[in-house]
C-alpha cells in the first residue's frame, strides 16, 4: 500500500480516512503543532474531530417553513377578529335575521380558519418528522404555540357553542316560533357588540336593555335590540327603579318583546 511522507509521520491510504497513524503511537516528537500541520496539509481528520454539517438551502427552507406558517396563521387570526371584517358582516344589516346570519358566517370563518391553520401546521410537523429533519423541534414549538393560542381563543369565547346557538336562533326566526314577554325596560341603555372574540373598534350593532316584570319572576333579564329596529324608549313614561311596582304600573310604559331563545336578540318590539 502506498505511503505518503510527512515529517515525523507516515500516513497510509487507510490512515488518510481518519485512522490514527501507526507512526504516531509512542512517538513523543509528534507534537500538537505537527498534528495540525499534517491535518491542514493533507485534510486528514483528527481523532475525535467531527465536521460541522453545512447549512444548505434545503435546510434553511425547512427551518423557516414552520416560522412562516406560524406568522401567516397569526395574521389570519388577527384579520378574522378585525373591525374591518366585522363591519362588512355586521355593520350594515337591515334586519335582525340578517344580523344573525352575519354572526353565523363570522363564527364559521373563525372555526374554519383556525381549523385549517392547525391542520396545515400538523401536516408540516408530520412531513418534517418523516424526513428526519433536525428542525422538527422548531416546527413542534411553532405548532404548540399556534395551536394553544387558537384553541384557547375558540373555547374561552365559546365560538363552537355560539355558532350552534346562532344557527338555532336563525331557524327560530324563520319558523316564527319566538319567545314573547311583556316587561318594563330600564332607561339604562348600553351599546353592545355581538358575542365572540373581542378587539378594539368592533361594531356595536345592538343595544342592551334590562327588562323586568312578573313574567321574568321579578328578576332583571337582558335583551339585545338591534339598531336596525330603530327603537327608542318613550321618554315620557320611563320605568323608575326607585318607585314602587304600583307606581310603575300606572306611569311607566311596558313593552312586548319577541326574541330568540339563545342570544335574546329582539326581533320585534311593541308598546303596551
C-alpha atoms as a PDB file:
ATOM      1  CA  UNK A   1       0.000   0.000   0.000  1.00  0.00           C
ATOM      2  CA  UNK A   2       1.425   3.425  -0.978  1.00  0.00           C
ATOM      3  CA  UNK A   3       2.762   5.604   1.818  1.00  0.00           C
ATOM      4  CA  UNK A   4       2.696   9.411   1.952  1.00  0.00           C
ATOM      5  CA  UNK A   5       5.661  11.070   3.693  1.00  0.00           C
ATOM      6  CA  UNK A   6       5.114  13.874   6.194  1.00  0.00           C
ATOM      7  CA  UNK A   7       7.784  14.933   8.724  1.00  0.00           C
ATOM      8  CA  UNK A   8       7.723  12.587  11.718  1.00  0.00           C
ATOM      9  CA  UNK A   9       4.626  10.728  10.420  1.00  0.00           C
ATOM     10  CA  UNK A  10       3.852   8.246   7.665  1.00  0.00           C
ATOM     11  CA  UNK A  11       0.216   8.003   6.541  1.00  0.00           C
ATOM     12  CA  UNK A  12      -1.145   5.025   4.690  1.00  0.00           C
ATOM     13  CA  UNK A  13      -4.205   5.270   2.464  1.00  0.00           C
ATOM     14  CA  UNK A  14      -6.413   3.785   5.245  1.00  0.00           C
ATOM     15  CA  UNK A  15      -4.963   6.211   7.749  1.00  0.00           C
ATOM     16  CA  UNK A  16      -5.887   9.052   5.431  1.00  0.00           C
ATOM     17  CA  UNK A  17      -9.532   8.067   6.025  1.00  0.00           C
ATOM     18  CA  UNK A  18      -9.307   9.079   9.670  1.00  0.00           C
ATOM     19  CA  UNK A  19      -7.492   6.284  11.458  1.00  0.00           C
ATOM     20  CA  UNK A  20      -4.705   7.070  13.935  1.00  0.00           C
ATOM     21  CA  UNK A  21      -1.300   6.817  12.143  1.00  0.00           C
ATOM     22  CA  UNK A  22       0.856   3.894  13.259  1.00  0.00           C
ATOM     23  CA  UNK A  23       3.951   6.056  13.454  1.00  0.00           C
ATOM     24  CA  UNK A  24       2.091   8.388  15.859  1.00  0.00           C
ATOM     25  CA  UNK A  25       1.768   5.745  18.504  1.00  0.00           C
ATOM     26  CA  UNK A  26       4.560   6.142  21.044  1.00  0.00           C
ATOM     27  CA  UNK A  27       6.259   8.932  19.078  1.00  0.00           C
ATOM     28  CA  UNK A  28       6.887  11.728  21.605  1.00  0.00           C
ATOM     29  CA  UNK A  29       8.165  14.018  18.844  1.00  0.00           C
ATOM     30  CA  UNK A  30       4.685  14.141  17.260  1.00  0.00           C
ATOM     31  CA  UNK A  31       3.626  17.451  18.771  1.00  0.00           C
ATOM     32  CA  UNK A  32       0.259  19.213  18.667  1.00  0.00           C
ATOM     33  CA  UNK A  33       1.667  21.713  16.170  1.00  0.00           C
ATOM     34  CA  UNK A  34       2.733  18.927  13.816  1.00  0.00           C
ATOM     35  CA  UNK A  35      -0.654  17.203  14.125  1.00  0.00           C
ATOM     36  CA  UNK A  36      -2.498  20.336  12.993  1.00  0.00           C
ATOM     37  CA  UNK A  37       0.111  20.950  10.289  1.00  0.00           C
ATOM     38  CA  UNK A  38      -0.459  17.471   8.907  1.00  0.00           C
ATOM     39  CA  UNK A  39      -4.227  17.936   9.124  1.00  0.00           C
ATOM     40  CA  UNK A  40      -4.260  21.174   7.163  1.00  0.00           C
ATOM     41  CA  UNK A  41      -1.774  19.882   4.577  1.00  0.00           C
ATOM     42  CA  UNK A  42      -3.428  16.532   3.905  1.00  0.00           C
ATOM     43  CA  UNK A  43      -7.003  17.220   5.191  1.00  0.00           C
ATOM     44  CA  UNK A  44      -6.813  14.179   7.463  1.00  0.00           C
ATOM     45  CA  UNK A  45      -9.475  14.308  10.227  1.00  0.00           C
ATOM     46  CA  UNK A  46      -8.003  14.465  13.705  1.00  0.00           C
ATOM     47  CA  UNK A  47      -9.045  11.793  16.215  1.00  0.00           C
ATOM     48  CA  UNK A  48     -12.382  12.747  17.753  1.00  0.00           C
ATOM     49  CA  UNK A  49     -12.960  15.582  15.272  1.00  0.00           C
ATOM     50  CA  UNK A  50     -16.461  15.991  13.859  1.00  0.00           C
ATOM     51  CA  UNK A  51     -17.019  18.274  10.907  1.00  0.00           C
ATOM     52  CA  UNK A  52     -19.961  20.665  11.334  1.00  0.00           C
ATOM     53  CA  UNK A  53     -22.735  19.966   8.818  1.00  0.00           C
ATOM     54  CA  UNK A  54     -23.120  22.581   6.136  1.00  0.00           C
ATOM     55  CA  UNK A  55     -26.383  24.544   6.215  1.00  0.00           C
ATOM     56  CA  UNK A  56     -27.714  24.400   2.695  1.00  0.00           C
ATOM     57  CA  UNK A  57     -30.762  25.996   1.071  1.00  0.00           C
ATOM     58  CA  UNK A  58     -32.917  22.936   1.738  1.00  0.00           C
ATOM     59  CA  UNK A  59     -32.203  23.009   5.479  1.00  0.00           C
ATOM     60  CA  UNK A  60     -32.937  26.735   5.611  1.00  0.00           C
ATOM     61  CA  UNK A  61     -36.215  26.164   3.785  1.00  0.00           C
ATOM     62  CA  UNK A  62     -37.360  23.540   6.302  1.00  0.00           C
ATOM     63  CA  UNK A  63     -36.194  25.777   9.153  1.00  0.00           C
ATOM     64  CA  UNK A  64     -38.196  28.817   8.050  1.00  0.00           C
ATOM     65  CA  UNK A  65     -41.258  26.896   6.814  1.00  0.00           C
ATOM     66  CA  UNK A  66     -42.883  26.447  10.275  1.00  0.00           C
ATOM     67  CA  UNK A  67     -41.973  30.023  11.225  1.00  0.00           C
ATOM     68  CA  UNK A  68     -43.619  31.320   8.067  1.00  0.00           C
ATOM     69  CA  UNK A  69     -46.740  29.221   8.636  1.00  0.00           C
ATOM     70  CA  UNK A  70     -46.992  30.463  12.242  1.00  0.00           C
ATOM     71  CA  UNK A  71     -46.713  34.112  11.194  1.00  0.00           C
ATOM     72  CA  UNK A  72     -49.266  33.581   8.398  1.00  0.00           C
ATOM     73  CA  UNK A  73     -51.647  31.916  10.869  1.00  0.00           C
ATOM     74  CA  UNK A  74     -51.383  34.770  13.364  1.00  0.00           C
ATOM     75  CA  UNK A  75     -52.033  37.358  10.638  1.00  0.00           C
ATOM     76  CA  UNK A  76     -55.080  35.375   9.523  1.00  0.00           C
ATOM     77  CA  UNK A  77     -56.289  35.180  13.128  1.00  0.00           C
ATOM     78  CA  UNK A  78     -55.933  38.952  13.515  1.00  0.00           C
ATOM     79  CA  UNK A  79     -57.920  39.501  10.322  1.00  0.00           C
ATOM     80  CA  UNK A  80     -60.743  37.210  11.481  1.00  0.00           C
ATOM     81  CA  UNK A  81     -61.367  39.365  14.576  1.00  0.00           C
ATOM     82  CA  UNK A  82     -60.564  42.703  12.940  1.00  0.00           C
ATOM     83  CA  UNK A  83     -63.133  45.538  12.955  1.00  0.00           C
ATOM     84  CA  UNK A  84     -62.874  45.762   9.163  1.00  0.00           C
ATOM     85  CA  UNK A  85     -64.205  42.238   8.652  1.00  0.00           C
ATOM     86  CA  UNK A  86     -66.939  42.594  11.279  1.00  0.00           C
ATOM     87  CA  UNK A  87     -68.038  45.911   9.814  1.00  0.00           C
ATOM     88  CA  UNK A  88     -68.663  44.155   6.497  1.00  0.00           C
ATOM     89  CA  UNK A  89     -70.514  41.268   8.139  1.00  0.00           C
ATOM     90  CA  UNK A  90     -72.476  43.044  10.891  1.00  0.00           C
ATOM     91  CA  UNK A  91     -72.249  46.780  10.433  1.00  0.00           C
ATOM     92  CA  UNK A  92     -74.898  47.367   7.767  1.00  0.00           C
ATOM     93  CA  UNK A  93     -77.540  44.697   8.317  1.00  0.00           C
ATOM     94  CA  UNK A  94     -81.156  45.628   7.627  1.00  0.00           C
ATOM     95  CA  UNK A  95     -82.981  43.119   9.838  1.00  0.00           C
ATOM     96  CA  UNK A  96     -82.334  41.053  12.980  1.00  0.00           C
ATOM     97  CA  UNK A  97     -82.266  37.943  10.781  1.00  0.00           C
ATOM     98  CA  UNK A  98     -79.543  39.454   8.584  1.00  0.00           C
ATOM     99  CA  UNK A  99     -77.566  40.344  11.725  1.00  0.00           C
ATOM    100  CA  UNK A 100     -77.699  36.749  12.948  1.00  0.00           C
ATOM    101  CA  UNK A 101     -76.731  35.441   9.520  1.00  0.00           C
ATOM    102  CA  UNK A 102     -73.678  37.730   9.593  1.00  0.00           C
ATOM    103  CA  UNK A 103     -72.777  36.366  13.038  1.00  0.00           C
ATOM    104  CA  UNK A 104     -73.188  32.809  11.807  1.00  0.00           C
ATOM    105  CA  UNK A 105     -70.791  33.479   8.911  1.00  0.00           C
ATOM    106  CA  UNK A 106     -68.275  35.085  11.293  1.00  0.00           C
ATOM    107  CA  UNK A 107     -68.293  32.136  13.698  1.00  0.00           C
ATOM    108  CA  UNK A 108     -67.924  29.728  10.776  1.00  0.00           C
ATOM    109  CA  UNK A 109     -64.930  31.676   9.419  1.00  0.00           C
ATOM    110  CA  UNK A 110     -63.303  31.565  12.860  1.00  0.00           C
ATOM    111  CA  UNK A 111     -63.771  27.815  13.175  1.00  0.00           C
ATOM    112  CA  UNK A 112     -62.728  27.044   9.600  1.00  0.00           C
ATOM    113  CA  UNK A 113     -59.750  29.409   9.585  1.00  0.00           C
ATOM    114  CA  UNK A 114     -58.342  28.171  12.883  1.00  0.00           C
ATOM    115  CA  UNK A 115     -59.023  24.541  11.980  1.00  0.00           C
ATOM    116  CA  UNK A 116     -57.268  24.815   8.606  1.00  0.00           C
ATOM    117  CA  UNK A 117     -54.282  26.508  10.252  1.00  0.00           C
ATOM    118  CA  UNK A 118     -53.933  23.721  12.822  1.00  0.00           C
ATOM    119  CA  UNK A 119     -54.216  21.016  10.133  1.00  0.00           C
ATOM    120  CA  UNK A 120     -51.545  22.698   7.966  1.00  0.00           C
ATOM    121  CA  UNK A 121     -49.182  23.065  10.942  1.00  0.00           C
ATOM    122  CA  UNK A 122     -49.746  19.415  11.918  1.00  0.00           C
ATOM    123  CA  UNK A 123     -49.052  18.288   8.327  1.00  0.00           C
ATOM    124  CA  UNK A 124     -45.813  20.306   8.368  1.00  0.00           C
ATOM    125  CA  UNK A 125     -44.745  18.568  11.598  1.00  0.00           C
ATOM    126  CA  UNK A 126     -45.500  15.121  10.196  1.00  0.00           C
ATOM    127  CA  UNK A 127     -43.629  15.913   6.969  1.00  0.00           C
ATOM    128  CA  UNK A 128     -40.505  17.058   8.793  1.00  0.00           C
ATOM    129  CA  UNK A 129     -40.662  14.099  11.187  1.00  0.00           C
ATOM    130  CA  UNK A 130     -40.857  11.588   8.340  1.00  0.00           C
ATOM    131  CA  UNK A 131     -37.907  13.200   6.582  1.00  0.00           C
ATOM    132  CA  UNK A 132     -35.907  13.099   9.793  1.00  0.00           C
ATOM    133  CA  UNK A 133     -35.145  16.779   9.814  1.00  0.00           C
ATOM    134  CA  UNK A 134     -33.285  18.243  12.759  1.00  0.00           C
ATOM    135  CA  UNK A 135     -35.579  21.323  12.607  1.00  0.00           C
ATOM    136  CA  UNK A 136     -38.542  19.237  13.730  1.00  0.00           C
ATOM    137  CA  UNK A 137     -38.224  20.675  17.234  1.00  0.00           C
ATOM    138  CA  UNK A 138     -38.660  24.212  15.850  1.00  0.00           C
ATOM    139  CA  UNK A 139     -41.748  23.118  13.947  1.00  0.00           C
ATOM    140  CA  UNK A 140     -43.173  21.416  17.039  1.00  0.00           C
ATOM    141  CA  UNK A 141     -42.739  24.575  19.145  1.00  0.00           C
ATOM    142  CA  UNK A 142     -44.467  26.658  16.445  1.00  0.00           C
ATOM    143  CA  UNK A 143     -47.323  24.146  16.260  1.00  0.00           C
ATOM    144  CA  UNK A 144     -47.837  24.145  20.029  1.00  0.00           C
ATOM    145  CA  UNK A 145     -47.718  27.952  20.151  1.00  0.00           C
ATOM    146  CA  UNK A 146     -50.208  28.468  17.330  1.00  0.00           C
ATOM    147  CA  UNK A 147     -52.481  25.627  18.403  1.00  0.00           C
ATOM    148  CA  UNK A 148     -52.527  26.824  22.001  1.00  0.00           C
ATOM    149  CA  UNK A 149     -53.455  30.394  21.055  1.00  0.00           C
ATOM    150  CA  UNK A 150     -56.185  29.458  18.574  1.00  0.00           C
ATOM    151  CA  UNK A 151     -57.793  26.716  20.677  1.00  0.00           C
ATOM    152  CA  UNK A 152     -57.722  28.921  23.770  1.00  0.00           C
ATOM    153  CA  UNK A 153     -59.483  31.710  21.892  1.00  0.00           C
ATOM    154  CA  UNK A 154     -62.113  29.402  20.414  1.00  0.00           C
ATOM    155  CA  UNK A 155     -63.020  27.680  23.657  1.00  0.00           C
ATOM    156  CA  UNK A 156     -62.670  30.630  26.041  1.00  0.00           C
ATOM    157  CA  UNK A 157     -65.006  32.650  23.819  1.00  0.00           C
ATOM    158  CA  UNK A 158     -67.172  29.547  23.260  1.00  0.00           C
ATOM    159  CA  UNK A 159     -67.180  30.019  19.484  1.00  0.00           C
ATOM    160  CA  UNK A 160     -68.396  26.464  18.671  1.00  0.00           C
ATOM    161  CA  UNK A 161     -71.352  26.929  21.035  1.00  0.00           C
ATOM    162  CA  UNK A 162     -72.120  30.402  19.657  1.00  0.00           C
ATOM    163  CA  UNK A 163     -72.152  29.041  16.102  1.00  0.00           C
ATOM    164  CA  UNK A 164     -74.633  26.342  17.103  1.00  0.00           C
ATOM    165  CA  UNK A 165     -76.833  28.774  19.059  1.00  0.00           C
ATOM    166  CA  UNK A 166     -76.863  31.278  16.207  1.00  0.00           C
ATOM    167  CA  UNK A 167     -77.982  28.630  13.735  1.00  0.00           C
ATOM    168  CA  UNK A 168     -80.769  27.619  16.117  1.00  0.00           C
ATOM    169  CA  UNK A 169     -81.881  31.259  16.515  1.00  0.00           C
ATOM    170  CA  UNK A 170     -81.902  31.749  12.736  1.00  0.00           C
ATOM    171  CA  UNK A 171     -84.144  28.696  12.357  1.00  0.00           C
ATOM    172  CA  UNK A 172     -86.341  30.044  15.149  1.00  0.00           C
ATOM    173  CA  UNK A 173     -86.844  33.373  13.370  1.00  0.00           C
ATOM    174  CA  UNK A 174     -87.541  31.690  10.059  1.00  0.00           C
ATOM    175  CA  UNK A 175     -90.175  29.447  11.674  1.00  0.00           C
ATOM    176  CA  UNK A 176     -91.740  32.342  13.616  1.00  0.00           C
ATOM    177  CA  UNK A 177     -91.643  30.385  16.916  1.00  0.00           C
ATOM    178  CA  UNK A 178     -90.119  33.151  19.045  1.00  0.00           C
ATOM    179  CA  UNK A 179     -90.147  33.754  22.769  1.00  0.00           C
ATOM    180  CA  UNK A 180     -92.523  36.511  23.933  1.00  0.00           C
ATOM    181  CA  UNK A 181     -92.576  38.594  27.106  1.00  0.00           C
ATOM    182  CA  UNK A 182     -94.044  41.875  28.367  1.00  0.00           C
ATOM    183  CA  UNK A 183     -91.638  43.896  30.532  1.00  0.00           C
ATOM    184  CA  UNK A 184     -90.607  47.309  31.701  1.00  0.00           C
ATOM    185  CA  UNK A 185     -87.318  48.334  30.120  1.00  0.00           C
ATOM    186  CA  UNK A 186     -84.705  50.133  32.154  1.00  0.00           C
ATOM    187  CA  UNK A 187     -83.637  53.552  30.827  1.00  0.00           C
ATOM    188  CA  UNK A 188     -80.013  52.490  31.465  1.00  0.00           C
ATOM    189  CA  UNK A 189     -79.131  51.516  27.909  1.00  0.00           C
ATOM    190  CA  UNK A 190     -75.702  50.276  26.802  1.00  0.00           C
ATOM    191  CA  UNK A 191     -74.379  49.876  23.279  1.00  0.00           C
ATOM    192  CA  UNK A 192     -73.014  46.379  22.844  1.00  0.00           C
ATOM    193  CA  UNK A 193     -71.306  44.113  20.344  1.00  0.00           C
ATOM    194  CA  UNK A 194     -72.277  40.632  19.345  1.00  0.00           C
ATOM    195  CA  UNK A 195     -70.723  37.832  21.444  1.00  0.00           C
ATOM    196  CA  UNK A 196     -67.394  36.434  20.319  1.00  0.00           C
ATOM    197  CA  UNK A 197     -63.649  37.267  20.375  1.00  0.00           C
ATOM    198  CA  UNK A 198     -63.158  40.964  21.081  1.00  0.00           C
ATOM    199  CA  UNK A 199     -60.812  43.517  19.541  1.00  0.00           C
ATOM    200  CA  UNK A 200     -60.932  47.268  19.934  1.00  0.00           C
ATOM    201  CA  UNK A 201     -63.040  49.037  17.318  1.00  0.00           C
ATOM    202  CA  UNK A 202     -65.516  46.242  16.615  1.00  0.00           C
ATOM    203  CA  UNK A 203     -69.001  47.447  15.576  1.00  0.00           C
ATOM    204  CA  UNK A 204     -71.750  47.597  18.193  1.00  0.00           C
ATOM    205  CA  UNK A 205     -74.938  46.810  16.267  1.00  0.00           C
ATOM    206  CA  UNK A 206     -77.195  46.197  19.289  1.00  0.00           C
ATOM    207  CA  UNK A 207     -78.345  47.999  22.442  1.00  0.00           C
ATOM    208  CA  UNK A 208     -78.589  46.094  25.708  1.00  0.00           C
ATOM    209  CA  UNK A 209     -81.724  46.708  27.777  1.00  0.00           C
ATOM    210  CA  UNK A 210     -82.592  45.292  31.142  1.00  0.00           C
ATOM    211  CA  UNK A 211     -86.200  44.084  31.380  1.00  0.00           C
ATOM    212  CA  UNK A 212     -88.280  43.177  34.435  1.00  0.00           C
ATOM    213  CA  UNK A 213     -91.881  42.164  35.137  1.00  0.00           C
ATOM    214  CA  UNK A 214     -93.955  39.424  36.709  1.00  0.00           C
ATOM    215  CA  UNK A 215     -93.184  37.293  33.640  1.00  0.00           C
ATOM    216  CA  UNK A 216     -89.475  37.352  34.467  1.00  0.00           C
ATOM    217  CA  UNK A 217     -90.223  36.389  38.091  1.00  0.00           C
ATOM    218  CA  UNK A 218     -89.255  39.863  39.245  1.00  0.00           C
ATOM    219  CA  UNK A 219     -85.642  39.469  38.047  1.00  0.00           C
ATOM    220  CA  UNK A 220     -83.738  41.588  35.570  1.00  0.00           C
ATOM    221  CA  UNK A 221     -83.159  39.907  32.199  1.00  0.00           C
ATOM    222  CA  UNK A 222     -81.004  41.349  29.421  1.00  0.00           C
ATOM    223  CA  UNK A 223     -82.437  41.783  25.926  1.00  0.00           C
ATOM    224  CA  UNK A 224     -80.479  42.876  22.862  1.00  0.00           C
ATOM    225  CA  UNK A 225     -82.355  45.161  20.493  1.00  0.00           C
ATOM    226  CA  UNK A 226     -80.685  45.660  17.068  1.00  0.00           C
ATOM    227  CA  UNK A 227     -80.155  49.206  15.864  1.00  0.00           C
ATOM    228  CA  UNK A 228     -81.923  48.329  12.620  1.00  0.00           C
ATOM    229  CA  UNK A 229     -85.237  48.185  14.513  1.00  0.00           C
ATOM    230  CA  UNK A 230     -84.869  51.946  15.173  1.00  0.00           C
ATOM    231  CA  UNK A 231     -86.282  51.504  18.664  1.00  0.00           C
ATOM    232  CA  UNK A 232     -86.206  54.117  21.432  1.00  0.00           C
ATOM    233  CA  UNK A 233     -87.878  54.332  24.821  1.00  0.00           C
ATOM    234  CA  UNK A 234     -90.860  56.573  25.441  1.00  0.00           C
ATOM    235  CA  UNK A 235     -89.149  59.342  27.402  1.00  0.00           C
ATOM    236  CA  UNK A 236     -92.453  60.464  28.931  1.00  0.00           C
ATOM    237  CA  UNK A 237     -93.134  57.102  30.574  1.00  0.00           C
ATOM    238  CA  UNK A 238     -89.815  55.703  31.776  1.00  0.00           C
ATOM    239  CA  UNK A 239     -89.504  52.949  34.357  1.00  0.00           C
ATOM    240  CA  UNK A 240     -88.321  54.248  37.732  1.00  0.00           C
ATOM    241  CA  UNK A 241     -86.428  51.776  39.903  1.00  0.00           C
ATOM    242  CA  UNK A 242     -86.866  53.986  42.972  1.00  0.00           C
ATOM    243  CA  UNK A 243     -90.682  53.851  42.692  1.00  0.00           C
ATOM    244  CA  UNK A 244     -92.997  51.043  43.697  1.00  0.00           C
ATOM    245  CA  UNK A 245     -94.451  48.470  41.325  1.00  0.00           C
ATOM    246  CA  UNK A 246     -97.876  50.078  41.640  1.00  0.00           C
ATOM    247  CA  UNK A 247     -96.460  53.455  40.632  1.00  0.00           C
ATOM    248  CA  UNK A 248     -94.696  51.975  37.576  1.00  0.00           C
ATOM    249  CA  UNK A 249     -97.860  50.116  36.572  1.00  0.00           C
ATOM    250  CA  UNK A 250     -99.669  53.450  36.461  1.00  0.00           C
ATOM    251  CA  UNK A 251     -96.978  55.702  34.987  1.00  0.00           C
ATOM    252  CA  UNK A 252     -94.313  53.608  33.217  1.00  0.00           C
ATOM    253  CA  UNK A 253     -94.796  52.093  29.775  1.00  0.00           C
ATOM    254  CA  UNK A 254     -94.359  48.393  29.221  1.00  0.00           C
ATOM    255  CA  UNK A 255     -93.117  46.752  26.025  1.00  0.00           C
ATOM    256  CA  UNK A 256     -93.936  43.443  24.404  1.00  0.00           C
ATOM    257  CA  UNK A 257     -90.789  41.768  23.083  1.00  0.00           C
ATOM    258  CA  UNK A 258     -90.435  38.856  20.705  1.00  0.00           C
ATOM    259  CA  UNK A 259     -86.924  37.476  20.901  1.00  0.00           C
ATOM    260  CA  UNK A 260     -84.739  34.440  20.245  1.00  0.00           C
ATOM    261  CA  UNK A 261     -84.128  31.847  22.924  1.00  0.00           C
ATOM    262  CA  UNK A 262     -80.321  31.611  22.909  1.00  0.00           C
ATOM    263  CA  UNK A 263     -78.933  35.101  22.263  1.00  0.00           C
ATOM    264  CA  UNK A 264     -82.013  37.031  23.463  1.00  0.00           C
ATOM    265  CA  UNK A 265     -81.928  39.032  20.231  1.00  0.00           C
ATOM    266  CA  UNK A 266     -85.157  41.023  19.939  1.00  0.00           C
ATOM    267  CA  UNK A 267     -86.907  40.668  16.603  1.00  0.00           C
ATOM    268  CA  UNK A 268     -89.997  42.785  17.321  1.00  0.00           C
ATOM    269  CA  UNK A 269     -90.911  45.454  19.911  1.00  0.00           C
ATOM    270  CA  UNK A 270     -94.394  46.775  20.620  1.00  0.00           C
ATOM    271  CA  UNK A 271     -95.562  49.336  23.138  1.00  0.00           C
ATOM    272  CA  UNK A 272     -98.265  48.099  25.500  1.00  0.00           C
END
